[in-house]
């Protein structure tokens, strides 16, 4: 179905997201840092990016902002996935260019519905 880049510094979360997405037929690639994610998105042009917030170096908000403001990646939807559940966190993610926001722990049906929604446009 879609090519999805998952960005998270937790091996456990990466494995869980990969399993959920692959069970729905998606092709998954991964990276663990925001700066690496920005470079990978520019090079690989995935259909969607799942972005954690709390990571070493460039955080997910900063990476999302970089992707949404670069002409070559602005059209690639970013879904922020975070343990931060405050409305201000959600609002900030959307202001950085995220198309959706999911709070951990992630329910597979919610994840897949949001991925389908942003890919469909």
PDB file of N, CA and C in Angstrom:
ATOM      1  N   UNK A   1       0.830  -1.194   0.000  1.00  0.00           N
ATOM      2  CA  UNK A   1       0.000   0.000   0.000  1.00  0.00           C
ATOM      3  C   UNK A   1       0.875   1.259   0.000  1.00  0.00           C
ATOM      4  N   UNK A   2       1.267   1.747   1.185  1.00  0.00           N
ATOM      5  CA  UNK A   2       2.032   2.991   1.250  1.00  0.00           C
ATOM      6  C   UNK A   2       3.437   2.741   1.797  1.00  0.00           C
ATOM      7  N   UNK A   3       4.359   3.650   1.448  1.00  0.00           N
ATOM      8  CA  UNK A   3       5.705   3.625   2.012  1.00  0.00           C
ATOM      9  C   UNK A   3       5.725   4.611   3.171  1.00  0.00           C
ATOM     10  N   UNK A   4       6.012   4.111   4.376  1.00  0.00           N
ATOM     11  CA  UNK A   4       5.927   4.919   5.587  1.00  0.00           C
ATOM     12  C   UNK A   4       7.267   4.907   6.317  1.00  0.00           C
ATOM     13  N   UNK A   5       7.722   6.111   6.695  1.00  0.00           N
ATOM     14  CA  UNK A   5       8.926   6.250   7.508  1.00  0.00           C
ATOM     15  C   UNK A   5       8.484   6.452   8.952  1.00  0.00           C
ATOM     16  N   UNK A   6       8.959   5.586   9.837  1.00  0.00           N
ATOM     17  CA  UNK A   6       8.663   5.692  11.270  1.00  0.00           C
ATOM     18  C   UNK A   6       9.906   6.248  11.960  1.00  0.00           C
ATOM     19  N   UNK A   7       9.723   7.333  12.712  1.00  0.00           N
ATOM     20  CA  UNK A   7      10.831   8.001  13.394  1.00  0.00           C
ATOM     21  C   UNK A   7      10.575   7.943  14.896  1.00  0.00           C
ATOM     22  N   UNK A   8      11.391   7.163  15.604  1.00  0.00           N
ATOM     23  CA  UNK A   8      11.231   7.010  17.055  1.00  0.00           C
ATOM     24  C   UNK A   8      12.535   6.470  17.616  1.00  0.00           C
ATOM     25  N   UNK A   9      12.928   6.962  18.782  1.00  0.00           N
ATOM     26  CA  UNK A   9      14.185   6.487  19.369  1.00  0.00           C
ATOM     27  C   UNK A   9      13.991   5.276  20.271  1.00  0.00           C
ATOM     28  N   UNK A  10      12.756   4.795  20.393  1.00  0.00           N
ATOM     29  CA  UNK A  10      12.468   3.608  21.205  1.00  0.00           C
ATOM     30  C   UNK A  10      12.383   2.364  20.317  1.00  0.00           C
ATOM     31  N   UNK A  11      13.290   1.396  20.502  1.00  0.00           N
ATOM     32  CA  UNK A  11      13.218   0.164  19.710  1.00  0.00           C
ATOM     33  C   UNK A  11      11.881  -0.564  19.902  1.00  0.00           C
ATOM     34  N   UNK A  12      11.331  -0.501  21.096  1.00  0.00           N
ATOM     35  CA  UNK A  12      10.042  -1.148  21.380  1.00  0.00           C
ATOM     36  C   UNK A  12       8.929  -0.511  20.565  1.00  0.00           C
ATOM     37  N   UNK A  13       8.884   0.816  20.558  1.00  0.00           N
ATOM     38  CA  UNK A  13       7.850   1.516  19.793  1.00  0.00           C
ATOM     39  C   UNK A  13       8.037   1.314  18.290  1.00  0.00           C
ATOM     40  N   UNK A  14       9.285   1.328  17.821  1.00  0.00           N
ATOM     41  CA  UNK A  14       9.541   1.073  16.402  1.00  0.00           C
ATOM     42  C   UNK A  14       9.010  -0.295  15.989  1.00  0.00           C
ATOM     43  N   UNK A  15       9.304  -1.306  16.800  1.00  0.00           N
ATOM     44  CA  UNK A  15       8.856  -2.669  16.487  1.00  0.00           C
ATOM     45  C   UNK A  15       7.334  -2.769  16.477  1.00  0.00           C
ATOM     46  N   UNK A  16       6.693  -2.124  17.457  1.00  0.00           N
ATOM     47  CA  UNK A  16       5.228  -2.184  17.537  1.00  0.00           C
ATOM     48  C   UNK A  16       4.584  -1.479  16.341  1.00  0.00           C
ATOM     49  N   UNK A  17       5.093  -0.314  15.986  1.00  0.00           N
ATOM     50  CA  UNK A  17       4.546   0.418  14.843  1.00  0.00           C
ATOM     51  C   UNK A  17       4.776  -0.337  13.546  1.00  0.00           C
ATOM     52  N   UNK A  18       5.963  -0.903  13.394  1.00  0.00           N
ATOM     53  CA  UNK A  18       6.262  -1.697  12.191  1.00  0.00           C
ATOM     54  C   UNK A  18       5.253  -2.842  12.053  1.00  0.00           C
ATOM     55  N   UNK A  19       5.015  -3.551  13.147  1.00  0.00           N
ATOM     56  CA  UNK A  19       4.095  -4.693  13.114  1.00  0.00           C
ATOM     57  C   UNK A  19       2.685  -4.248  12.712  1.00  0.00           C
ATOM     58  N   UNK A  20       2.210  -3.164  13.303  1.00  0.00           N
ATOM     59  CA  UNK A  20       0.858  -2.663  12.997  1.00  0.00           C
ATOM     60  C   UNK A  20       0.746  -2.265  11.529  1.00  0.00           C
ATOM     61  N   UNK A  21       1.736  -1.550  11.030  1.00  0.00           N
ATOM     62  CA  UNK A  21       1.695  -1.051   9.654  1.00  0.00           C
ATOM     63  C   UNK A  21       1.878  -2.164   8.632  1.00  0.00           C
ATOM     64  N   UNK A  22       2.817  -3.069   8.885  1.00  0.00           N
ATOM     65  CA  UNK A  22       3.050  -4.162   7.937  1.00  0.00           C
ATOM     66  C   UNK A  22       1.860  -5.110   7.873  1.00  0.00           C
ATOM     67  N   UNK A  23       1.140  -5.261   8.994  1.00  0.00           N
ATOM     68  CA  UNK A  23      -0.044  -6.132   8.982  1.00  0.00           C
ATOM     69  C   UNK A  23      -1.130  -5.576   8.061  1.00  0.00           C
ATOM     70  N   UNK A  24      -1.041  -4.289   7.746  1.00  0.00           N
ATOM     71  CA  UNK A  24      -1.999  -3.638   6.851  1.00  0.00           C
ATOM     72  C   UNK A  24      -1.421  -3.487   5.438  1.00  0.00           C
ATOM     73  N   UNK A  25      -0.251  -4.096   5.204  1.00  0.00           N
ATOM     74  CA  UNK A  25       0.330  -4.105   3.865  1.00  0.00           C
ATOM     75  C   UNK A  25       1.262  -2.957   3.539  1.00  0.00           C
ATOM     76  N   UNK A  26       1.601  -2.129   4.516  1.00  0.00           N
ATOM     77  CA  UNK A  26       2.476  -0.996   4.250  1.00  0.00           C
ATOM     78  C   UNK A  26       3.948  -1.408   4.261  1.00  0.00           C
ATOM     79  N   UNK A  27       4.755  -0.680   3.507  1.00  0.00           N
ATOM     80  CA  UNK A  27       6.201  -0.863   3.494  1.00  0.00           C
ATOM     81  C   UNK A  27       6.787   0.133   4.498  1.00  0.00           C
ATOM     82  N   UNK A  28       7.539  -0.357   5.477  1.00  0.00           N
ATOM     83  CA  UNK A  28       8.009   0.478   6.581  1.00  0.00           C
ATOM     84  C   UNK A  28       9.529   0.607   6.567  1.00  0.00           C
ATOM     85  N   UNK A  29      10.001   1.841   6.739  1.00  0.00           N
ATOM     86  CA  UNK A  29      11.416   2.084   7.009  1.00  0.00           C
ATOM     87  C   UNK A  29      11.475   2.868   8.313  1.00  0.00           C
ATOM     88  N   UNK A  30      12.646   2.882   8.947  1.00  0.00           N
ATOM     89  CA  UNK A  30      12.742   3.505  10.263  1.00  0.00           C
ATOM     90  C   UNK A  30      14.009   4.311  10.414  1.00  0.00           C
ATOM     91  N   UNK A  31      13.950   5.284  11.315  1.00  0.00           N
ATOM     92  CA  UNK A  31      15.134   5.974  11.792  1.00  0.00           C
ATOM     93  C   UNK A  31      14.853   6.467  13.217  1.00  0.00           C
ATOM     94  N   UNK A  32      15.915   6.856  13.907  1.00  0.00           N
ATOM     95  CA  UNK A  32      15.797   7.123  15.343  1.00  0.00           C
ATOM     96  C   UNK A  32      16.074   8.565  15.750  1.00  0.00           C
ATOM     97  N   UNK A  33      16.332   9.449  14.792  1.00  0.00           N
ATOM     98  CA  UNK A  33      16.640  10.839  15.112  1.00  0.00           C
ATOM     99  C   UNK A  33      15.956  11.785  14.130  1.00  0.00           C
ATOM    100  N   UNK A  34      15.593  12.965  14.626  1.00  0.00           N
ATOM    101  CA  UNK A  34      14.911  13.944  13.796  1.00  0.00           C
ATOM    102  C   UNK A  34      15.706  14.407  12.591  1.00  0.00           C
ATOM    103  N   UNK A  35      16.990  14.719  12.797  1.00  0.00           N
ATOM    104  CA  UNK A  35      17.823  15.199  11.685  1.00  0.00           C
ATOM    105  C   UNK A  35      17.965  14.132  10.607  1.00  0.00           C
ATOM    106  N   UNK A  36      18.139  12.892  11.040  1.00  0.00           N
ATOM    107  CA  UNK A  36      18.222  11.780  10.085  1.00  0.00           C
ATOM    108  C   UNK A  36      16.904  11.649   9.323  1.00  0.00           C
ATOM    109  N   UNK A  37      15.796  11.831  10.023  1.00  0.00           N
ATOM    110  CA  UNK A  37      14.479  11.730   9.391  1.00  0.00           C
ATOM    111  C   UNK A  37      14.315  12.760   8.273  1.00  0.00           C
ATOM    112  N   UNK A  38      14.730  13.988   8.532  1.00  0.00           N
ATOM    113  CA  UNK A  38      14.611  15.039   7.520  1.00  0.00           C
ATOM    114  C   UNK A  38      15.393  14.644   6.266  1.00  0.00           C
ATOM    115  N   UNK A  39      16.597  14.147   6.442  1.00  0.00           N
ATOM    116  CA  UNK A  39      17.416  13.732   5.299  1.00  0.00           C
ATOM    117  C   UNK A  39      16.797  12.545   4.570  1.00  0.00           C
ATOM    118  N   UNK A  40      16.296  11.575   5.324  1.00  0.00           N
ATOM    119  CA  UNK A  40      15.691  10.380   4.710  1.00  0.00           C
ATOM    120  C   UNK A  40      14.433  10.741   3.918  1.00  0.00           C
ATOM    121  N   UNK A  41      13.620  11.635   4.464  1.00  0.00           N
ATOM    122  CA  UNK A  41      12.398  12.030   3.759  1.00  0.00           C
ATOM    123  C   UNK A  41      12.760  12.733   2.450  1.00  0.00           C
ATOM    124  N   UNK A  42      13.755  13.611   2.492  1.00  0.00           N
ATOM    125  CA  UNK A  42      14.181  14.296   1.268  1.00  0.00           C
ATOM    126  C   UNK A  42      14.680  13.301   0.227  1.00  0.00           C
ATOM    127  N   UNK A  43      15.399  12.277   0.667  1.00  0.00           N
ATOM    128  CA  UNK A  43      15.979  11.299  -0.258  1.00  0.00           C
ATOM    129  C   UNK A  43      14.963  10.273  -0.745  1.00  0.00           C
ATOM    130  N   UNK A  44      14.145   9.753   0.168  1.00  0.00           N
ATOM    131  CA  UNK A  44      13.274   8.617  -0.149  1.00  0.00           C
ATOM    132  C   UNK A  44      11.848   8.991  -0.536  1.00  0.00           C
ATOM    133  N   UNK A  45      11.394  10.181  -0.173  1.00  0.00           N
ATOM    134  CA  UNK A  45      10.030  10.647  -0.463  1.00  0.00           C
ATOM    135  C   UNK A  45       8.961   9.609  -0.091  1.00  0.00           C
ATOM    136  N   UNK A  46       8.854   9.241   1.192  1.00  0.00           N
ATOM    137  CA  UNK A  46       7.814   8.283   1.595  1.00  0.00           C
ATOM    138  C   UNK A  46       6.423   8.895   1.422  1.00  0.00           C
ATOM    139  N   UNK A  47       5.403   8.062   1.506  1.00  0.00           N
ATOM    140  CA  UNK A  47       4.020   8.535   1.381  1.00  0.00           C
ATOM    141  C   UNK A  47       3.537   9.199   2.664  1.00  0.00           C
ATOM    142  N   UNK A  48       4.179   8.856   3.789  1.00  0.00           N
ATOM    143  CA  UNK A  48       3.749   9.357   5.093  1.00  0.00           C
ATOM    144  C   UNK A  48       4.896   9.190   6.084  1.00  0.00           C
ATOM    145  N   UNK A  49       4.936  10.063   7.108  1.00  0.00           N
ATOM    146  CA  UNK A  49       5.943   9.976   8.162  1.00  0.00           C
ATOM    147  C   UNK A  49       5.231   9.914   9.507  1.00  0.00           C
ATOM    148  N   UNK A  50       5.611   8.945  10.343  1.00  0.00           N
ATOM    149  CA  UNK A  50       5.141   8.884  11.727  1.00  0.00           C
ATOM    150  C   UNK A  50       6.286   9.398  12.589  1.00  0.00           C
ATOM    151  N   UNK A  51       6.053  10.473  13.339  1.00  0.00           N
ATOM    152  CA  UNK A  51       7.124  11.193  14.023  1.00  0.00           C
ATOM    153  C   UNK A  51       6.907  11.237  15.532  1.00  0.00           C
ATOM    154  N   UNK A  52       7.841  10.643  16.279  1.00  0.00           N
ATOM    155  CA  UNK A  52       7.856  10.781  17.733  1.00  0.00           C
ATOM    156  C   UNK A  52       8.277  12.208  18.056  1.00  0.00           C
ATOM    157  N   UNK A  53       7.999  12.677  19.285  1.00  0.00           N
ATOM    158  CA  UNK A  53       8.388  14.032  19.669  1.00  0.00           C
ATOM    159  C   UNK A  53       9.706  14.041  20.429  1.00  0.00           C
ATOM    160  N   UNK A  54       9.790  13.248  21.489  1.00  0.00           N
ATOM    161  CA  UNK A  54      10.957  13.303  22.369  1.00  0.00           C
ATOM    162  C   UNK A  54      12.050  12.372  21.843  1.00  0.00           C
ATOM    163  N   UNK A  55      13.086  12.996  21.249  1.00  0.00           N
ATOM    164  CA  UNK A  55      14.224  12.264  20.712  1.00  0.00           C
ATOM    165  C   UNK A  55      15.473  13.098  20.959  1.00  0.00           C
ATOM    166  N   UNK A  56      16.641  12.454  20.986  1.00  0.00           N
ATOM    167  CA  UNK A  56      17.879  13.225  21.161  1.00  0.00           C
ATOM    168  C   UNK A  56      18.153  14.108  19.943  1.00  0.00           C
ATOM    169  N   UNK A  57      18.838  15.224  20.168  1.00  0.00           N
ATOM    170  CA  UNK A  57      19.151  16.123  19.063  1.00  0.00           C
ATOM    171  C   UNK A  57      17.904  16.857  18.616  1.00  0.00           C
ATOM    172  N   UNK A  58      17.644  16.850  17.324  1.00  0.00           N
ATOM    173  CA  UNK A  58      16.467  17.505  16.770  1.00  0.00           C
ATOM    174  C   UNK A  58      15.216  16.732  17.197  1.00  0.00           C
ATOM    175  N   UNK A  59      14.296  17.392  17.906  1.00  0.00           N
ATOM    176  CA  UNK A  59      13.095  16.689  18.346  1.00  0.00           C
ATOM    177  C   UNK A  59      12.064  16.602  17.218  1.00  0.00           C
ATOM    178  N   UNK A  60      10.983  15.887  17.486  1.00  0.00           N
ATOM    179  CA  UNK A  60       9.968  15.668  16.461  1.00  0.00           C
ATOM    180  C   UNK A  60       9.267  16.929  16.002  1.00  0.00           C
ATOM    181  N   UNK A  61       9.055  17.887  16.905  1.00  0.00           N
ATOM    182  CA  UNK A  61       8.448  19.157  16.502  1.00  0.00           C
ATOM    183  C   UNK A  61       9.356  19.892  15.519  1.00  0.00           C
ATOM    184  N   UNK A  62      10.647  19.930  15.822  1.00  0.00           N
ATOM    185  CA  UNK A  62      11.607  20.613  14.951  1.00  0.00           C
ATOM    186  C   UNK A  62      11.701  19.924  13.584  1.00  0.00           C
ATOM    187  N   UNK A  63      11.740  18.598  13.598  1.00  0.00           N
ATOM    188  CA  UNK A  63      11.819  17.848  12.334  1.00  0.00           C
ATOM    189  C   UNK A  63      10.553  18.041  11.508  1.00  0.00           C
ATOM    190  N   UNK A  64       9.397  18.030  12.171  1.00  0.00           N
ATOM    191  CA  UNK A  64       8.130  18.234  11.461  1.00  0.00           C
ATOM    192  C   UNK A  64       8.105  19.612  10.822  1.00  0.00           C
ATOM    193  N   UNK A  65       8.548  20.623  11.559  1.00  0.00           N
ATOM    194  CA  UNK A  65       8.599  21.985  11.034  1.00  0.00           C
ATOM    195  C   UNK A  65       9.531  22.051   9.817  1.00  0.00           C
ATOM    196  N   UNK A  66      10.698  21.422   9.908  1.00  0.00           N
ATOM    197  CA  UNK A  66      11.649  21.424   8.790  1.00  0.00           C
ATOM    198  C   UNK A  66      11.040  20.781   7.549  1.00  0.00           C
ATOM    199  N   UNK A  67      10.336  19.666   7.734  1.00  0.00           N
ATOM    200  CA  UNK A  67       9.726  18.965   6.606  1.00  0.00           C
ATOM    201  C   UNK A  67       8.575  19.765   5.994  1.00  0.00           C
ATOM    202  N   UNK A  68       7.752  20.359   6.840  1.00  0.00           N
ATOM    203  CA  UNK A  68       6.578  21.069   6.327  1.00  0.00           C
ATOM    204  C   UNK A  68       6.952  22.375   5.634  1.00  0.00           C
ATOM    205  N   UNK A  69       8.135  22.910   5.940  1.00  0.00           N
ATOM    206  CA  UNK A  69       8.542  24.191   5.349  1.00  0.00           C
ATOM    207  C   UNK A  69       9.456  24.043   4.141  1.00  0.00           C
ATOM    208  N   UNK A  70       9.976  22.850   3.911  1.00  0.00           N
ATOM    209  CA  UNK A  70      10.840  22.624   2.745  1.00  0.00           C
ATOM    210  C   UNK A  70       9.967  22.295   1.532  1.00  0.00           C
ATOM    211  N   UNK A  71      10.126  23.026   0.433  1.00  0.00           N
ATOM    212  CA  UNK A  71       9.269  22.795  -0.739  1.00  0.00           C
ATOM    213  C   UNK A  71       9.247  21.346  -1.220  1.00  0.00           C
ATOM    214  N   UNK A  72      10.398  20.663  -1.141  1.00  0.00           N
ATOM    215  CA  UNK A  72      10.453  19.296  -1.672  1.00  0.00           C
ATOM    216  C   UNK A  72       9.796  18.254  -0.771  1.00  0.00           C
ATOM    217  N   UNK A  73       9.474  18.622   0.489  1.00  0.00           N
ATOM    218  CA  UNK A  73       8.844  17.653   1.402  1.00  0.00           C
ATOM    219  C   UNK A  73       7.533  18.155   1.996  1.00  0.00           C
ATOM    220  N   UNK A  74       7.123  19.362   1.680  1.00  0.00           N
ATOM    221  CA  UNK A  74       5.932  19.961   2.298  1.00  0.00           C
ATOM    222  C   UNK A  74       4.650  19.161   2.053  1.00  0.00           C
ATOM    223  N   UNK A  75       4.568  18.455   0.940  1.00  0.00           N
ATOM    224  CA  UNK A  75       3.353  17.709   0.613  1.00  0.00           C
ATOM    225  C   UNK A  75       3.304  16.330   1.270  1.00  0.00           C
ATOM    226  N   UNK A  76       4.388  15.913   1.922  1.00  0.00           N
ATOM    227  CA  UNK A  76       4.421  14.597   2.567  1.00  0.00           C
ATOM    228  C   UNK A  76       3.812  14.733   3.964  1.00  0.00           C
ATOM    229  N   UNK A  77       2.709  14.032   4.228  1.00  0.00           N
ATOM    230  CA  UNK A  77       2.042  14.200   5.521  1.00  0.00           C
ATOM    231  C   UNK A  77       2.834  13.593   6.685  1.00  0.00           C
ATOM    232  N   UNK A  78       2.838  14.335   7.801  1.00  0.00           N
ATOM    233  CA  UNK A  78       3.487  13.891   9.029  1.00  0.00           C
ATOM    234  C   UNK A  78       2.403  13.672  10.081  1.00  0.00           C
ATOM    235  N   UNK A  79       2.446  12.496  10.721  1.00  0.00           N
ATOM    236  CA  UNK A  79       1.589  12.202  11.869  1.00  0.00           C
ATOM    237  C   UNK A  79       2.499  12.166  13.085  1.00  0.00           C
ATOM    238  N   UNK A  80       2.246  13.057  14.037  1.00  0.00           N
ATOM    239  CA  UNK A  80       3.048  13.078  15.256  1.00  0.00           C
ATOM    240  C   UNK A  80       2.469  12.056  16.221  1.00  0.00           C
ATOM    241  N   UNK A  81       3.357  11.238  16.788  1.00  0.00           N
ATOM    242  CA  UNK A  81       2.974  10.222  17.770  1.00  0.00           C
ATOM    243  C   UNK A  81       3.755  10.515  19.037  1.00  0.00           C
ATOM    244  N   UNK A  82       3.025  10.726  20.140  1.00  0.00           N
ATOM    245  CA  UNK A  82       3.713  11.149  21.352  1.00  0.00           C
ATOM    246  C   UNK A  82       2.992  10.687  22.604  1.00  0.00           C
ATOM    247  N   UNK A  83       3.743  10.583  23.682  1.00  0.00           N
ATOM    248  CA  UNK A  83       3.135  10.316  24.988  1.00  0.00           C
ATOM    249  C   UNK A  83       2.597  11.608  25.590  1.00  0.00           C
ATOM    250  N   UNK A  84       2.913  12.745  24.977  1.00  0.00           N
ATOM    251  CA  UNK A  84       2.422  14.040  25.447  1.00  0.00           C
ATOM    252  C   UNK A  84       0.948  14.168  25.054  1.00  0.00           C
ATOM    253  N   UNK A  85       0.073  14.282  26.055  1.00  0.00           N
ATOM    254  CA  UNK A  85      -1.358  14.236  25.778  1.00  0.00           C
ATOM    255  C   UNK A  85      -2.083  15.566  25.990  1.00  0.00           C
ATOM    256  N   UNK A  86      -1.347  16.623  26.259  1.00  0.00           N
ATOM    257  CA  UNK A  86      -1.981  17.921  26.482  1.00  0.00           C
ATOM    258  C   UNK A  86      -2.456  18.532  25.161  1.00  0.00           C
ATOM    259  N   UNK A  87      -3.545  19.311  25.240  1.00  0.00           N
ATOM    260  CA  UNK A  87      -4.043  19.995  24.046  1.00  0.00           C
ATOM    261  C   UNK A  87      -2.991  20.922  23.454  1.00  0.00           C
ATOM    262  N   UNK A  88      -2.163  21.523  24.322  1.00  0.00           N
ATOM    263  CA  UNK A  88      -1.117  22.427  23.825  1.00  0.00           C
ATOM    264  C   UNK A  88      -0.084  21.680  22.984  1.00  0.00           C
ATOM    265  N   UNK A  89       0.214  20.428  23.349  1.00  0.00           N
ATOM    266  CA  UNK A  89       1.150  19.621  22.559  1.00  0.00           C
ATOM    267  C   UNK A  89       0.570  19.331  21.173  1.00  0.00           C
ATOM    268  N   UNK A  90      -0.699  18.965  21.151  1.00  0.00           N
ATOM    269  CA  UNK A  90      -1.390  18.674  19.887  1.00  0.00           C
ATOM    270  C   UNK A  90      -1.414  19.938  19.011  1.00  0.00           C
ATOM    271  N   UNK A  91      -1.783  21.051  19.617  1.00  0.00           N
ATOM    272  CA  UNK A  91      -1.849  22.314  18.882  1.00  0.00           C
ATOM    273  C   UNK A  91      -0.475  22.692  18.331  1.00  0.00           C
ATOM    274  N   UNK A  92       0.561  22.546  19.142  1.00  0.00           N
ATOM    275  CA  UNK A  92       1.910  22.893  18.700  1.00  0.00           C
ATOM    276  C   UNK A  92       2.339  22.008  17.531  1.00  0.00           C
ATOM    277  N   UNK A  93       2.031  20.711  17.612  1.00  0.00           N
ATOM    278  CA  UNK A  93       2.376  19.805  16.512  1.00  0.00           C
ATOM    279  C   UNK A  93       1.698  20.240  15.217  1.00  0.00           C
ATOM    280  N   UNK A  94       0.443  20.606  15.301  1.00  0.00           N
ATOM    281  CA  UNK A  94      -0.293  21.025  14.111  1.00  0.00           C
ATOM    282  C   UNK A  94       0.276  22.344  13.564  1.00  0.00           C
ATOM    283  N   UNK A  95       0.690  23.226  14.441  1.00  0.00           N
ATOM    284  CA  UNK A  95       1.281  24.495  14.005  1.00  0.00           C
ATOM    285  C   UNK A  95       2.631  24.274  13.329  1.00  0.00           C
ATOM    286  N   UNK A  96       3.297  23.160  13.642  1.00  0.00           N
ATOM    287  CA  UNK A  96       4.578  22.835  13.008  1.00  0.00           C
ATOM    288  C   UNK A  96       4.375  22.170  11.646  1.00  0.00           C
ATOM    289  N   UNK A  97       3.132  21.809  11.338  1.00  0.00           N
ATOM    290  CA  UNK A  97       2.845  21.211  10.036  1.00  0.00           C
ATOM    291  C   UNK A  97       2.325  19.791  10.077  1.00  0.00           C
ATOM    292  N   UNK A  98       2.149  19.213  11.262  1.00  0.00           N
ATOM    293  CA  UNK A  98       1.615  17.847  11.347  1.00  0.00           C
ATOM    294  C   UNK A  98       0.178  17.821  10.830  1.00  0.00           C
ATOM    295  N   UNK A  99      -0.192  16.711  10.213  1.00  0.00           N
ATOM    296  CA  UNK A  99      -1.560  16.537   9.712  1.00  0.00           C
ATOM    297  C   UNK A  99      -2.448  15.844  10.742  1.00  0.00           C
ATOM    298  N   UNK A 100      -1.831  15.035  11.615  1.00  0.00           N
ATOM    299  CA  UNK A 100      -2.563  14.309  12.658  1.00  0.00           C
ATOM    300  C   UNK A 100      -1.678  14.202  13.884  1.00  0.00           C
ATOM    301  N   UNK A 101      -2.314  13.829  15.009  1.00  0.00           N
ATOM    302  CA  UNK A 101      -1.588  13.674  16.275  1.00  0.00           C
ATOM    303  C   UNK A 101      -2.183  12.467  16.991  1.00  0.00           C
ATOM    304  N   UNK A 102      -1.338  11.539  17.390  1.00  0.00           N
ATOM    305  CA  UNK A 102      -1.790  10.334  18.089  1.00  0.00           C
ATOM    306  C   UNK A 102      -1.053  10.258  19.419  1.00  0.00           C
ATOM    307  N   UNK A 103      -1.808   9.985  20.490  1.00  0.00           N
ATOM    308  CA  UNK A 103      -1.219   9.860  21.821  1.00  0.00           C
ATOM    309  C   UNK A 103      -0.933   8.380  22.101  1.00  0.00           C
ATOM    310  N   UNK A 104       0.291   8.111  22.617  1.00  0.00           N
ATOM    311  CA  UNK A 104       0.658   6.757  23.029  1.00  0.00           C
ATOM    312  C   UNK A 104      -0.061   6.441  24.330  1.00  0.00           C
ATOM    313  N   UNK A 105      -0.412   5.197  24.594  1.00  0.00           N
ATOM    314  CA  UNK A 105      -0.232   4.006  23.751  1.00  0.00           C
ATOM    315  C   UNK A 105      -1.155   4.044  22.531  1.00  0.00           C
ATOM    316  N   UNK A 106      -0.661   3.493  21.459  1.00  0.00           N
ATOM    317  CA  UNK A 106      -1.343   3.568  20.170  1.00  0.00           C
ATOM    318  C   UNK A 106      -2.260   2.373  19.979  1.00  0.00           C
ATOM    319  N   UNK A 107      -3.466   2.660  19.521  1.00  0.00           N
ATOM    320  CA  UNK A 107      -4.405   1.598  19.141  1.00  0.00           C
ATOM    321  C   UNK A 107      -4.260   1.409  17.633  1.00  0.00           C
ATOM    322  N   UNK A 108      -4.088   0.146  17.218  1.00  0.00           N
ATOM    323  CA  UNK A 108      -3.842  -0.143  15.810  1.00  0.00           C
ATOM    324  C   UNK A 108      -4.921   0.438  14.906  1.00  0.00           C
ATOM    325  N   UNK A 109      -6.191   0.302  15.287  1.00  0.00           N
ATOM    326  CA  UNK A 109      -7.271   0.781  14.413  1.00  0.00           C
ATOM    327  C   UNK A 109      -7.203   2.301  14.244  1.00  0.00           C
ATOM    328  N   UNK A 110      -6.830   3.036  15.312  1.00  0.00           N
ATOM    329  CA  UNK A 110      -6.700   4.491  15.207  1.00  0.00           C
ATOM    330  C   UNK A 110      -5.531   4.863  14.297  1.00  0.00           C
ATOM    331  N   UNK A 111      -4.401   4.187  14.486  1.00  0.00           N
ATOM    332  CA  UNK A 111      -3.223   4.452  13.671  1.00  0.00           C
ATOM    333  C   UNK A 111      -3.527   4.243  12.189  1.00  0.00           C
ATOM    334  N   UNK A 112      -4.093   3.089  11.869  1.00  0.00           N
ATOM    335  CA  UNK A 112      -4.348   2.772  10.463  1.00  0.00           C
ATOM    336  C   UNK A 112      -5.369   3.720   9.851  1.00  0.00           C
ATOM    337  N   UNK A 113      -6.374   4.122  10.615  1.00  0.00           N
ATOM    338  CA  UNK A 113      -7.369   5.062  10.104  1.00  0.00           C
ATOM    339  C   UNK A 113      -6.736   6.415   9.802  1.00  0.00           C
ATOM    340  N   UNK A 114      -5.861   6.880  10.688  1.00  0.00           N
ATOM    341  CA  UNK A 114      -5.217   8.180  10.470  1.00  0.00           C
ATOM    342  C   UNK A 114      -4.232   8.113   9.305  1.00  0.00           C
ATOM    343  N   UNK A 115      -3.487   7.003   9.191  1.00  0.00           N
ATOM    344  CA  UNK A 115      -2.565   6.844   8.066  1.00  0.00           C
ATOM    345  C   UNK A 115      -3.348   6.861   6.743  1.00  0.00           C
ATOM    346  N   UNK A 116      -4.425   6.097   6.687  1.00  0.00           N
ATOM    347  CA  UNK A 116      -5.236   6.059   5.454  1.00  0.00           C
ATOM    348  C   UNK A 116      -5.779   7.448   5.139  1.00  0.00           C
ATOM    349  N   UNK A 117      -6.216   8.162   6.182  1.00  0.00           N
ATOM    350  CA  UNK A 117      -6.789   9.489   5.990  1.00  0.00           C
ATOM    351  C   UNK A 117      -5.808  10.494   5.407  1.00  0.00           C
ATOM    352  N   UNK A 118      -4.571  10.522   5.931  1.00  0.00           N
ATOM    353  CA  UNK A 118      -3.612  11.509   5.422  1.00  0.00           C
ATOM    354  C   UNK A 118      -3.071  11.127   4.053  1.00  0.00           C
ATOM    355  N   UNK A 119      -2.994   9.842   3.772  1.00  0.00           N
ATOM    356  CA  UNK A 119      -2.496   9.415   2.460  1.00  0.00           C
ATOM    357  C   UNK A 119      -3.539   9.708   1.382  1.00  0.00           C
ATOM    358  N   UNK A 120      -4.805   9.515   1.752  1.00  0.00           N
ATOM    359  CA  UNK A 120      -5.886   9.773   0.806  1.00  0.00           C
ATOM    360  C   UNK A 120      -6.030  11.277   0.530  1.00  0.00           C
ATOM    361  N   UNK A 121      -5.541  12.093   1.474  1.00  0.00           N
ATOM    362  CA  UNK A 121      -5.603  13.530   1.280  1.00  0.00           C
ATOM    363  C   UNK A 121      -6.808  14.076   1.933  1.00  0.00           C
TER     364      UNK A 121
END
